[in-house]
C-alpha atoms as a PDB file:
ATOM      1  CA  MET A   1       0.000   0.000   0.000  1.00  0.00           C
ATOM      2  CA  ALA A   2       2.803   2.401   0.928  1.00  0.00           C
ATOM      3  CA  ASP A   3       4.668   1.693  -2.324  1.00  0.00           C
ATOM      4  CA  THR A   4       1.510   2.310  -4.329  1.00  0.00           C
ATOM      5  CA  ALA A   5       0.738   5.513  -2.478  1.00  0.00           C
ATOM      6  CA  THR A   6       4.351   6.720  -2.859  1.00  0.00           C
ATOM      7  CA  THR A   7       4.141   6.142  -6.590  1.00  0.00           C
ATOM      8  CA  ALA A   8       0.814   7.952  -6.671  1.00  0.00           C
ATOM      9  CA  SER A   9       2.340  10.877  -4.756  1.00  0.00           C
ATOM     10  CA  ALA A  10       5.065  11.202  -7.344  1.00  0.00           C
ATOM     11  CA  ALA A  11       2.452  10.903 -10.069  1.00  0.00           C
ATOM     12  CA  ALA A  12       0.348  13.674  -8.552  1.00  0.00           C
ATOM     13  CA  ALA A  13       3.343  15.971  -8.207  1.00  0.00           C
ATOM     14  CA  SER A  14       4.442  15.151 -11.733  1.00  0.00           C
ATOM     15  CA  ALA A  15       0.991  15.932 -13.122  1.00  0.00           C
ATOM     16  CA  ALA A  16       0.868  19.246 -11.270  1.00  0.00           C
ATOM     17  CA  ASN A  17       4.218  20.343 -12.708  1.00  0.00           C
ATOM     18  CA  ALA A  18       3.779  18.877 -16.174  1.00  0.00           C
ATOM     19  CA  SER A  19       5.423  20.794 -18.989  1.00  0.00           C
ATOM     20  CA  THR A  20       4.846  20.676 -22.712  1.00  0.00           C
ATOM     21  CA  ASP A  21       7.852  18.375 -23.332  1.00  0.00           C
ATOM     22  CA  ALA A  22       6.792  15.804 -20.743  1.00  0.00           C
ATOM     23  CA  PRO A  23       5.432  12.475 -22.094  1.00  0.00           C
ATOM     24  CA  PRO A  24       1.917  11.245 -21.260  1.00  0.00           C
ATOM     25  CA  PHE A  25       1.634  10.079 -17.655  1.00  0.00           C
ATOM     26  CA  GLN A  26       2.304   6.380 -16.976  1.00  0.00           C
ATOM     27  CA  LEU A  27       2.128   4.884 -13.496  1.00  0.00           C
ATOM     28  CA  GLY A  28       5.553   3.635 -12.371  1.00  0.00           C
ATOM     29  CA  LYS A  29       7.386   5.172 -15.335  1.00  0.00           C
ATOM     30  CA  PRO A  30       9.812   8.139 -15.070  1.00  0.00           C
ATOM     31  CA  ARG A  31       8.451  11.486 -16.164  1.00  0.00           C
ATOM     32  CA  PHE A  32      11.605  12.326 -18.118  1.00  0.00           C
ATOM     33  CA  GLN A  33      13.391  10.237 -20.740  1.00  0.00           C
ATOM     34  CA  GLN A  34      16.126   8.087 -19.238  1.00  0.00           C
ATOM     35  CA  THR A  35      18.015   7.649 -22.505  1.00  0.00           C
ATOM     36  CA  SER A  36      19.657  11.081 -22.294  1.00  0.00           C
ATOM     37  CA  PHE A  37      21.808  12.698 -19.623  1.00  0.00           C
ATOM     38  CA  PHE A  38      19.535  15.735 -19.414  1.00  0.00           C
ATOM     39  CA  GLY A  39      16.456  13.532 -18.937  1.00  0.00           C
ATOM     40  CA  ARG A  40      18.142  11.599 -16.139  1.00  0.00           C
ATOM     41  CA  PHE A  41      19.368  14.868 -14.603  1.00  0.00           C
ATOM     42  CA  ARG A  42      15.808  16.257 -14.458  1.00  0.00           C
ATOM     43  CA  HIS A  43      14.524  12.932 -13.130  1.00  0.00           C
ATOM     44  CA  PHE A  44      16.933  12.899 -10.209  1.00  0.00           C
ATOM     45  CA  LEU A  45      16.247  16.551  -9.434  1.00  0.00           C
ATOM     46  CA  ASP A  46      12.716  15.351  -8.651  1.00  0.00           C
ATOM     47  CA  ILE A  47      13.990  12.387  -6.629  1.00  0.00           C
ATOM     48  CA  ILE A  48      16.268  14.485  -4.378  1.00  0.00           C
ATOM     49  CA  ASP A  49      13.720  17.279  -3.899  1.00  0.00           C
ATOM     50  CA  PRO A  50      14.003  18.125  -0.139  1.00  0.00           C
ATOM     51  CA  ARG A  51      10.311  19.011  -0.014  1.00  0.00           C
ATOM     52  CA  THR A  52       9.527  15.293  -0.037  1.00  0.00           C
ATOM     53  CA  LEU A  53      11.026  15.092   3.456  1.00  0.00           C
ATOM     54  CA  PHE A  54       7.951  16.860   4.783  1.00  0.00           C
ATOM     55  CA  VAL A  55       5.490  14.425   3.232  1.00  0.00           C
ATOM     56  CA  THR A  56       4.145  12.396   6.161  1.00  0.00           C
ATOM     57  CA  GLU A  57       0.719  11.264   4.941  1.00  0.00           C
ATOM     58  CA  LEU A  58       0.141   9.561   1.567  1.00  0.00           C
ATOM     59  CA  TRP A  59      -3.613   9.123   1.669  1.00  0.00           C
ATOM     60  CA  SER A  60      -4.144  12.215  -0.477  1.00  0.00           C
ATOM     61  CA  ALA A  61      -1.878  10.720  -3.134  1.00  0.00           C
ATOM     62  CA  GLN A  62      -3.747   7.420  -2.912  1.00  0.00           C
ATOM     63  CA  LYS A  63      -7.039   9.295  -3.316  1.00  0.00           C
ATOM     64  CA  ILE A  64      -5.774  10.987  -6.487  1.00  0.00           C
ATOM     65  CA  LYS A  65      -4.546   7.686  -7.895  1.00  0.00           C
ATOM     66  CA  GLN A  66      -7.820   5.878  -7.251  1.00  0.00           C
ATOM     67  CA  ALA A  67      -9.902   8.732  -8.664  1.00  0.00           C
ATOM     68  CA  ILE A  68      -7.916   9.141 -11.873  1.00  0.00           C
ATOM     69  CA  LEU A  69      -6.283   5.825 -12.818  1.00  0.00           C
ATOM     70  CA  HIS A  70      -8.046   2.648 -13.922  1.00  0.00           C
ATOM     71  CA  PRO A  71      -7.221  -0.156 -11.432  1.00  0.00           C
ATOM     72  CA  ASP A  72      -6.631  -2.748 -14.179  1.00  0.00           C
ATOM     73  CA  THR A  73      -4.672  -0.733 -16.757  1.00  0.00           C
ATOM     74  CA  ASN A  74      -3.151   2.021 -14.545  1.00  0.00           C
ATOM     75  CA  GLU A  75      -4.036   4.420 -17.357  1.00  0.00           C
ATOM     76  CA  LYS A  76      -5.731   7.777 -16.850  1.00  0.00           C
ATOM     77  CA  ILE A  77      -9.509   7.728 -17.326  1.00  0.00           C
ATOM     78  CA  PHE A  78     -10.765  10.540 -19.558  1.00  0.00           C
ATOM     79  CA  MET A  79     -11.966  13.316 -17.253  1.00  0.00           C
ATOM     80  CA  PRO A  80     -15.733  13.428 -18.095  1.00  0.00           C
ATOM     81  CA  PHE A  81     -16.008   9.663 -17.614  1.00  0.00           C
ATOM     82  CA  ARG A  82     -14.337   9.363 -14.202  1.00  0.00           C
ATOM     83  CA  MET A  83     -16.618   8.813 -11.220  1.00  0.00           C
ATOM     84  CA  SER A  84     -15.413  12.175  -9.915  1.00  0.00           C
ATOM     85  CA  GLY A  85     -16.793  13.718 -13.121  1.00  0.00           C
ATOM     86  CA  TYR A  86     -20.141  11.910 -13.012  1.00  0.00           C
ATOM     87  CA  ILE A  87     -21.916  14.606 -10.980  1.00  0.00           C
ATOM     88  CA  PRO A  88     -20.523  17.755 -12.684  1.00  0.00           C
ATOM     89  CA  PHE A  89     -21.075  16.382 -16.187  1.00  0.00           C
ATOM     90  CA  GLY A  90     -24.269  14.429 -15.392  1.00  0.00           C
ATOM     91  CA  THR A  91     -26.264  17.051 -13.491  1.00  0.00           C
ATOM     92  CA  PRO A  92     -27.098  19.206 -16.571  1.00  0.00           C
ATOM     93  CA  ILE A  93     -28.420  16.049 -18.252  1.00  0.00           C
ATOM     94  CA  VAL A  94     -30.584  15.226 -15.213  1.00  0.00           C
ATOM     95  CA  VAL A  95     -32.012  18.759 -15.267  1.00  0.00           C
ATOM     96  CA  GLY A  96     -32.872  18.272 -18.938  1.00  0.00           C
ATOM     97  CA  LEU A  97     -34.527  14.913 -18.280  1.00  0.00           C
ATOM     98  CA  LEU A  98     -36.766  16.483 -15.627  1.00  0.00           C
ATOM     99  CA  LEU A  99     -37.848  19.567 -17.578  1.00  0.00           C
ATOM    100  CA  PRO A 100     -41.664  19.848 -17.612  1.00  0.00           C
ATOM    101  CA  ASN A 101     -43.777  19.770 -20.789  1.00  0.00           C
ATOM    102  CA  GLN A 102     -41.313  17.671 -22.748  1.00  0.00           C
ATOM    103  CA  THR A 103     -41.873  17.316 -26.482  1.00  0.00           C
ATOM    104  CA  LEU A 104     -41.133  14.110 -28.363  1.00  0.00           C
ATOM    105  CA  ALA A 105     -37.948  15.633 -29.748  1.00  0.00           C
ATOM    106  CA  SER A 106     -36.716  16.837 -26.350  1.00  0.00           C
ATOM    107  CA  THR A 107     -37.475  13.460 -24.738  1.00  0.00           C
ATOM    108  CA  VAL A 108     -35.477  11.666 -27.413  1.00  0.00           C
ATOM    109  CA  PHE A 109     -32.605  14.164 -27.143  1.00  0.00           C
ATOM    110  CA  TRP A 110     -32.180  14.019 -23.364  1.00  0.00           C
ATOM    111  CA  GLN A 111     -32.513  10.227 -23.202  1.00  0.00           C
ATOM    112  CA  TRP A 112     -29.956   9.899 -26.000  1.00  0.00           C
ATOM    113  CA  LEU A 113     -27.556  12.295 -24.278  1.00  0.00           C
ATOM    114  CA  ASN A 114     -27.968  10.545 -20.912  1.00  0.00           C
ATOM    115  CA  GLN A 115     -27.289   7.075 -22.273  1.00  0.00           C
ATOM    116  CA  SER A 116     -24.385   8.343 -24.376  1.00  0.00           C
ATOM    117  CA  HIS A 117     -22.776   9.642 -21.188  1.00  0.00           C
ATOM    118  CA  ASN A 118     -23.608   6.444 -19.276  1.00  0.00           C
ATOM    119  CA  ALA A 119     -22.181   4.260 -22.034  1.00  0.00           C
ATOM    120  CA  CYS A 120     -18.864   6.093 -21.910  1.00  0.00           C
ATOM    121  CA  VAL A 121     -18.759   5.952 -18.085  1.00  0.00           C
ATOM    122  CA  ASN A 122     -19.521   2.213 -18.107  1.00  0.00           C
ATOM    123  CA  TYR A 123     -16.850   1.540 -20.716  1.00  0.00           C
ATOM    124  CA  ALA A 124     -14.220   3.691 -18.995  1.00  0.00           C
ATOM    125  CA  ASN A 125     -14.828   2.039 -15.589  1.00  0.00           C
ATOM    126  CA  ARG A 126     -15.324  -1.551 -16.774  1.00  0.00           C
ATOM    127  CA  ASN A 127     -13.212  -4.537 -15.770  1.00  0.00           C
ATOM    128  CA  ALA A 128     -10.364  -4.139 -18.257  1.00  0.00           C
ATOM    129  CA  THR A 129      -8.417  -7.329 -17.599  1.00  0.00           C
ATOM    130  CA  LYS A 130      -9.468  -8.510 -21.077  1.00  0.00           C
ATOM    131  CA  PRO A 131      -9.393  -6.445 -24.286  1.00  0.00           C
ATOM    132  CA  SER A 132     -12.765  -5.143 -25.450  1.00  0.00           C
ATOM    133  CA  PRO A 133     -13.286  -4.500 -29.187  1.00  0.00           C
ATOM    134  CA  ALA A 134     -14.901  -1.318 -30.422  1.00  0.00           C
ATOM    135  CA  SER A 135     -17.812  -3.352 -31.812  1.00  0.00           C
ATOM    136  CA  LYS A 136     -18.902  -4.201 -28.242  1.00  0.00           C
ATOM    137  CA  PHE A 137     -18.924  -0.523 -27.332  1.00  0.00           C
ATOM    138  CA  ILE A 138     -21.072   0.342 -30.366  1.00  0.00           C
ATOM    139  CA  GLN A 139     -23.441  -2.566 -29.692  1.00  0.00           C
ATOM    140  CA  GLY A 140     -23.957  -1.565 -26.059  1.00  0.00           C
ATOM    141  CA  TYR A 141     -24.356   2.085 -26.947  1.00  0.00           C
ATOM    142  CA  LEU A 142     -27.036   1.448 -29.563  1.00  0.00           C
ATOM    143  CA  GLY A 143     -28.911  -1.022 -27.350  1.00  0.00           C
ATOM    144  CA  ALA A 144     -29.028   1.348 -24.382  1.00  0.00           C
ATOM    145  CA  VAL A 145     -30.106   4.364 -26.411  1.00  0.00           C
ATOM    146  CA  ILE A 146     -32.818   2.497 -28.305  1.00  0.00           C
ATOM    147  CA  SER A 147     -34.256   0.954 -25.113  1.00  0.00           C
ATOM    148  CA  ALA A 148     -34.251   4.253 -23.194  1.00  0.00           C
ATOM    149  CA  VAL A 149     -35.843   6.278 -25.955  1.00  0.00           C
ATOM    150  CA  SER A 150     -38.445   3.590 -26.693  1.00  0.00           C
ATOM    151  CA  ILE A 151     -39.530   3.246 -23.058  1.00  0.00           C
ATOM    152  CA  ALA A 152     -39.583   7.000 -22.409  1.00  0.00           C
ATOM    153  CA  VAL A 153     -41.577   7.793 -25.548  1.00  0.00           C
ATOM    154  CA  GLY A 154     -43.966   4.897 -24.886  1.00  0.00           C
ATOM    155  CA  LEU A 155     -44.641   5.998 -21.309  1.00  0.00           C
ATOM    156  CA  ASN A 156     -45.168   9.607 -22.393  1.00  0.00           C
ATOM    157  CA  VAL A 157     -47.706   8.484 -25.006  1.00  0.00           C
ATOM    158  CA  LEU A 158     -49.564   6.408 -22.404  1.00  0.00           C
ATOM    159  CA  VAL A 159     -49.694   9.354 -20.010  1.00  0.00           C
ATOM    160  CA  GLN A 160     -50.984  11.674 -22.721  1.00  0.00           C
ATOM    161  CA  LYS A 161     -53.763   9.205 -23.565  1.00  0.00           C
ATOM    162  CA  ALA A 162     -54.790   8.766 -19.928  1.00  0.00           C
ATOM    163  CA  ASN A 163     -57.986  10.829 -19.959  1.00  0.00           C
ATOM    164  CA  LYS A 164     -58.684  10.165 -16.272  1.00  0.00           C
ATOM    165  CA  PHE A 165     -55.740  12.352 -15.222  1.00  0.00           C
ATOM    166  CA  THR A 166     -56.240  16.038 -14.550  1.00  0.00           C
ATOM    167  CA  PRO A 167     -53.706  18.298 -16.312  1.00  0.00           C
ATOM    168  CA  ALA A 168     -51.846  18.840 -13.032  1.00  0.00           C
ATOM    169  CA  THR A 169     -51.696  15.101 -12.299  1.00  0.00           C
ATOM    170  CA  ARG A 170     -50.601  14.355 -15.861  1.00  0.00           C
ATOM    171  CA  LEU A 171     -47.760  16.859 -15.538  1.00  0.00           C
ATOM    172  CA  LEU A 172     -46.664  15.318 -12.241  1.00  0.00           C
ATOM    173  CA  VAL A 173     -46.744  11.774 -13.651  1.00  0.00           C
ATOM    174  CA  GLN A 174     -44.754  12.884 -16.697  1.00  0.00           C
ATOM    175  CA  ARG A 175     -42.019  14.098 -14.387  1.00  0.00           C
ATOM    176  CA  PHE A 176     -41.583  10.542 -13.059  1.00  0.00           C
ATOM    177  CA  VAL A 177     -41.407   8.970 -16.526  1.00  0.00           C
ATOM    178  CA  PRO A 178     -37.602   9.370 -16.810  1.00  0.00           C
ATOM    179  CA  PHE A 179     -36.939   7.000 -13.881  1.00  0.00           C
ATOM    180  CA  PRO A 180     -38.269   3.706 -15.340  1.00  0.00           C
ATOM    181  CA  ALA A 181     -36.828   4.652 -18.718  1.00  0.00           C
ATOM    182  CA  VAL A 182     -33.384   5.415 -17.326  1.00  0.00           C
ATOM    183  CA  ALA A 183     -33.315   2.479 -14.863  1.00  0.00           C
ATOM    184  CA  SER A 184     -34.186  -0.111 -17.513  1.00  0.00           C
ATOM    185  CA  ALA A 185     -31.839   1.441 -20.041  1.00  0.00           C
ATOM    186  CA  ASN A 186     -29.038   1.492 -17.463  1.00  0.00           C
ATOM    187  CA  ILE A 187     -29.334  -2.283 -17.070  1.00  0.00           C
ATOM    188  CA  CYS A 188     -29.188  -2.776 -20.836  1.00  0.00           C
ATOM    189  CA  ASN A 189     -26.276  -0.341 -20.990  1.00  0.00           C
ATOM    190  CA  VAL A 190     -24.175  -2.206 -18.416  1.00  0.00           C
ATOM    191  CA  VAL A 191     -24.901  -5.664 -19.810  1.00  0.00           C
ATOM    192  CA  LEU A 192     -24.357  -4.733 -23.450  1.00  0.00           C
ATOM    193  CA  MET A 193     -21.327  -2.527 -22.822  1.00  0.00           C
ATOM    194  CA  ARG A 194     -19.622  -5.286 -20.822  1.00  0.00           C
ATOM    195  CA  TYR A 195     -20.990  -8.385 -22.522  1.00  0.00           C
ATOM    196  CA  GLY A 196     -17.478  -9.376 -23.555  1.00  0.00           C
ATOM    197  CA  GLU A 197     -16.712 -10.090 -19.900  1.00  0.00           C
ATOM    198  CA  LEU A 198     -19.462 -12.726 -19.850  1.00  0.00           C
ATOM    199  CA  GLU A 199     -18.039 -14.364 -22.950  1.00  0.00           C
ATOM    200  CA  GLU A 200     -14.362 -14.380 -21.966  1.00  0.00           C
ATOM    201  CA  GLY A 201     -14.455 -14.098 -18.178  1.00  0.00           C
ATOM    202  CA  ILE A 202     -12.524 -11.730 -15.932  1.00  0.00           C
ATOM    203  CA  ASP A 203      -9.310 -12.194 -13.979  1.00  0.00           C
ATOM    204  CA  VAL A 204      -9.553 -13.355 -10.369  1.00  0.00           C
ATOM    205  CA  LEU A 205      -6.693 -12.851  -7.893  1.00  0.00           C
ATOM    206  CA  ASP A 206      -5.661 -14.522  -4.658  1.00  0.00           C
ATOM    207  CA  GLY A 207      -5.010 -12.677  -1.399  1.00  0.00           C
ATOM    208  CA  ASP A 208      -1.464 -11.810  -2.479  1.00  0.00           C
ATOM    209  CA  GLY A 209      -2.603 -10.280  -5.755  1.00  0.00           C
ATOM    210  CA  ASN A 210      -1.458 -13.238  -7.877  1.00  0.00           C
ATOM    211  CA  LEU A 211      -3.512 -14.124 -10.951  1.00  0.00           C
ATOM    212  CA  VAL A 212      -5.427 -17.383 -10.400  1.00  0.00           C
ATOM    213  CA  GLY A 213      -7.332 -17.550 -13.669  1.00  0.00           C
ATOM    214  CA  SER A 214     -10.204 -16.174 -15.724  1.00  0.00           C
ATOM    215  CA  SER A 215     -13.774 -16.763 -14.535  1.00  0.00           C
ATOM    216  CA  LYS A 216     -17.077 -16.289 -16.363  1.00  0.00           C
ATOM    217  CA  ILE A 217     -18.970 -16.850 -13.109  1.00  0.00           C
ATOM    218  CA  ALA A 218     -17.120 -13.948 -11.483  1.00  0.00           C
ATOM    219  CA  ALA A 219     -18.001 -11.867 -14.550  1.00  0.00           C
ATOM    220  CA  ARG A 220     -21.701 -12.602 -14.006  1.00  0.00           C
ATOM    221  CA  HIS A 221     -21.414 -11.516 -10.383  1.00  0.00           C
ATOM    222  CA  ALA A 222     -19.604  -8.336 -11.445  1.00  0.00           C
ATOM    223  CA  LEU A 223     -22.247  -7.374 -14.004  1.00  0.00           C
ATOM    224  CA  LEU A 224     -25.134  -8.172 -11.655  1.00  0.00           C
ATOM    225  CA  GLU A 225     -23.671  -6.017  -8.889  1.00  0.00           C
ATOM    226  CA  THR A 226     -22.933  -3.147 -11.283  1.00  0.00           C
ATOM    227  CA  ALA A 227     -26.411  -3.362 -12.834  1.00  0.00           C
ATOM    228  CA  LEU A 228     -28.015  -3.140  -9.378  1.00  0.00           C
ATOM    229  CA  THR A 229     -26.062   0.023  -8.616  1.00  0.00           C
ATOM    230  CA  ARG A 230     -27.316   1.502 -11.906  1.00  0.00           C
ATOM    231  CA  VAL A 231     -30.918   0.835 -10.858  1.00  0.00           C
ATOM    232  CA  VAL A 232     -30.441   2.385  -7.424  1.00  0.00           C
ATOM    233  CA  LEU A 233     -28.493   5.391  -8.760  1.00  0.00           C
ATOM    234  CA  PRO A 234     -31.362   7.156 -10.603  1.00  0.00           C
ATOM    235  CA  MET A 235     -33.889   6.615  -7.803  1.00  0.00           C
ATOM    236  CA  PRO A 236     -33.005   9.685  -5.703  1.00  0.00           C
ATOM    237  CA  ILE A 237     -31.899  11.656  -8.767  1.00  0.00           C
ATOM    238  CA  LEU A 238     -35.092  11.279 -10.792  1.00  0.00           C
ATOM    239  CA  VAL A 239     -37.672  10.747  -8.020  1.00  0.00           C
ATOM    240  CA  LEU A 240     -36.765  13.276  -5.311  1.00  0.00           C
ATOM    241  CA  PRO A 241     -36.445  16.432  -7.490  1.00  0.00           C
ATOM    242  CA  PRO A 242     -39.988  16.155  -8.951  1.00  0.00           C
ATOM    243  CA  ILE A 243     -41.410  15.784  -5.433  1.00  0.00           C
ATOM    244  CA  VAL A 244     -39.369  18.684  -4.061  1.00  0.00           C
ATOM    245  CA  MET A 245     -40.085  20.920  -7.050  1.00  0.00           C
ATOM    246  CA  SER A 246     -43.825  20.238  -6.915  1.00  0.00           C
ATOM    247  CA  MET A 247     -43.775  21.702  -3.404  1.00  0.00           C
ATOM    248  CA  LEU A 248     -41.373  24.574  -4.111  1.00  0.00           C
ATOM    249  CA  GLU A 249     -43.358  25.715  -7.147  1.00  0.00           C
ATOM    250  CA  LYS A 250     -46.258  26.534  -4.830  1.00  0.00           C
ATOM    251  CA  THR A 251     -44.192  28.951  -2.744  1.00  0.00           C
ATOM    252  CA  ALA A 252     -44.793  32.680  -3.095  1.00  0.00           C
ATOM    253  CA  LEU A 253     -41.155  33.283  -4.068  1.00  0.00           C
ATOM    254  CA  LEU A 254     -41.158  31.030  -7.134  1.00  0.00           C
ATOM    255  CA  GLN A 255     -44.667  32.005  -8.162  1.00  0.00           C
ATOM    256  CA  ALA A 256     -43.608  35.656  -8.134  1.00  0.00           C
ATOM    257  CA  ARG A 257     -40.272  34.899  -9.843  1.00  0.00           C
ATOM    258  CA  PRO A 258     -40.769  32.019 -12.303  1.00  0.00           C
ATOM    259  CA  ARG A 259     -37.319  32.663 -13.798  1.00  0.00           C
ATOM    260  CA  LEU A 260     -35.846  31.138 -10.645  1.00  0.00           C
ATOM    261  CA  LEU A 261     -37.475  27.762 -11.362  1.00  0.00           C
ATOM    262  CA  LEU A 262     -34.650  26.419 -13.554  1.00  0.00           C
ATOM    263  CA  PRO A 263     -31.787  27.503 -11.240  1.00  0.00           C
ATOM    264  CA  VAL A 264     -33.615  26.089  -8.208  1.00  0.00           C
ATOM    265  CA  GLN A 265     -34.326  22.820 -10.008  1.00  0.00           C
ATOM    266  CA  SER A 266     -30.667  22.611 -11.014  1.00  0.00           C
ATOM    267  CA  LEU A 267     -29.575  22.977  -7.383  1.00  0.00           C
ATOM    268  CA  VAL A 268     -32.097  20.359  -6.251  1.00  0.00           C
ATOM    269  CA  CYS A 269     -30.851  17.939  -8.930  1.00  0.00           C
ATOM    270  CA  LEU A 270     -27.239  18.608  -7.970  1.00  0.00           C
ATOM    271  CA  ALA A 271     -27.977  17.845  -4.305  1.00  0.00           C
ATOM    272  CA  ALA A 272     -29.857  14.655  -5.209  1.00  0.00           C
ATOM    273  CA  PHE A 273     -27.049  13.524  -7.525  1.00  0.00           C
ATOM    274  CA  GLY A 274     -24.442  14.224  -4.853  1.00  0.00           C
ATOM    275  CA  LEU A 275     -26.373  12.022  -2.434  1.00  0.00           C
ATOM    276  CA  ALA A 276     -27.269   9.235  -4.874  1.00  0.00           C
ATOM    277  CA  LEU A 277     -23.883   8.530  -6.458  1.00  0.00           C
ATOM    278  CA  PRO A 278     -21.896   7.576  -3.329  1.00  0.00           C
ATOM    279  CA  LEU A 279     -24.901   5.659  -1.972  1.00  0.00           C
ATOM    280  CA  ALA A 280     -25.263   3.598  -5.154  1.00  0.00           C
ATOM    281  CA  ILE A 281     -21.619   2.754  -5.817  1.00  0.00           C
ATOM    282  CA  SER A 282     -21.084   1.930  -2.124  1.00  0.00           C
ATOM    283  CA  LEU A 283     -23.523  -0.991  -2.285  1.00  0.00           C
ATOM    284  CA  PHE A 284     -20.718  -3.362  -3.322  1.00  0.00           C
ATOM    285  CA  PRO A 285     -16.919  -3.143  -3.023  1.00  0.00           C
ATOM    286  CA  GLN A 286     -15.087  -2.415  -6.258  1.00  0.00           C
ATOM    287  CA  MET A 287     -12.675  -5.265  -5.518  1.00  0.00           C
ATOM    288  CA  SER A 288     -15.291  -7.906  -4.717  1.00  0.00           C
ATOM    289  CA  GLU A 289     -14.554 -11.194  -2.962  1.00  0.00           C
ATOM    290  CA  ILE A 290     -15.997 -14.582  -3.841  1.00  0.00           C
ATOM    291  CA  GLU A 291     -15.416 -18.107  -2.567  1.00  0.00           C
ATOM    292  CA  THR A 292     -13.513 -20.367  -4.951  1.00  0.00           C
ATOM    293  CA  SER A 293     -16.092 -23.104  -4.353  1.00  0.00           C
ATOM    294  CA  GLN A 294     -18.618 -20.948  -6.248  1.00  0.00           C
ATOM    295  CA  LEU A 295     -16.368 -20.619  -9.289  1.00  0.00           C
ATOM    296  CA  GLU A 296     -15.279 -22.974 -12.067  1.00  0.00           C
ATOM    297  CA  PRO A 297     -13.526 -26.177 -10.906  1.00  0.00           C
ATOM    298  CA  GLU A 298     -10.278 -25.175 -12.609  1.00  0.00           C
ATOM    299  CA  ILE A 299     -10.213 -21.945 -10.586  1.00  0.00           C
ATOM    300  CA  ALA A 300     -10.738 -23.787  -7.292  1.00  0.00           C
ATOM    301  CA  GLN A 301      -7.974 -26.269  -8.190  1.00  0.00           C
ATOM    302  CA  ALA A 302      -5.522 -23.533  -9.179  1.00  0.00           C
ATOM    303  CA  THR A 303      -5.248 -21.973  -5.712  1.00  0.00           C
ATOM    304  CA  SER A 304      -5.218 -22.930  -2.066  1.00  0.00           C
ATOM    305  CA  SER A 305      -7.022 -19.718  -1.121  1.00  0.00           C
ATOM    306  CA  ARG A 306     -10.594 -20.087   0.094  1.00  0.00           C
ATOM    307  CA  THR A 307     -11.588 -16.821  -1.604  1.00  0.00           C
ATOM    308  CA  VAL A 308     -10.425 -14.764  -4.567  1.00  0.00           C
ATOM    309  CA  VAL A 309     -11.057 -11.154  -5.566  1.00  0.00           C
ATOM    310  CA  TYR A 310     -12.000  -9.483  -8.836  1.00  0.00           C
ATOM    311  CA  ASN A 311     -12.515  -5.936 -10.060  1.00  0.00           C
ATOM    312  CA  LYS A 312     -16.283  -5.443 -10.252  1.00  0.00           C
ATOM    313  CA  GLY A 313     -15.910  -2.172 -12.086  1.00  0.00           C
ATOM    314  CA  LEU A 314     -17.883   0.951 -11.246  1.00  0.00           C
END
């Protein structure tokens, strides 16, 4: 742990002081070229920096490493698709999904944009112990978008045809339409984006971090756990804001100043997103543990450990 955190500390410092001639960041690799004297000179200037004597805690470096680097590849995750970017980049989409009086075109647009973002997040945070071809990404993307748009449009049509609803009730019900559409599409998104893991299996490791083998059963567990988090995630995000806004819209302040409705709704969505994301992804550990007796016989025979671990993905 200390070695990993020390490496992460150097990585964080290197990223903060990156210059135009520095190569792309790679975990465990020197920042400067070691094939030239000048590169080695600059490298060792970093190593002997006296400021490192005052570094006593490495948890901040570990936090940066875990937030930015993929645990399987040790490569940087593109900023909008990191979990730390989910809320800042996802909140505007949530606000769009919950806008009242949606037209067919706006419903299609916001569902498409939401699932496009989700597809990229799922792909960037997948279990990457096995290569995933671009065709799998395209297949998952199309499946998620088509399912989300179809369900959302279908539910909106049903609500519009429900003559028993008063206009106010119809508007309220329409605000809840995004949740079943997004929840079902999220399941399709995860399964289709990561279907290759079910076909080829994912790596499982013993307690010392040694590779034991590749397991399709562990892959099923990983996708099930991730899919459940994607169902829980939109619950507070898409259910709480409509309830809160239906109450706030009746206040004298917002009735007198209707221009404040969108900013207030944005803040409500941001608060709900900030609550929902850590709750959802905390349901299961990222490095999940499973007993070898539940896995393929060849996995159980390949290790003396009672349990193995695998990267569930986020």
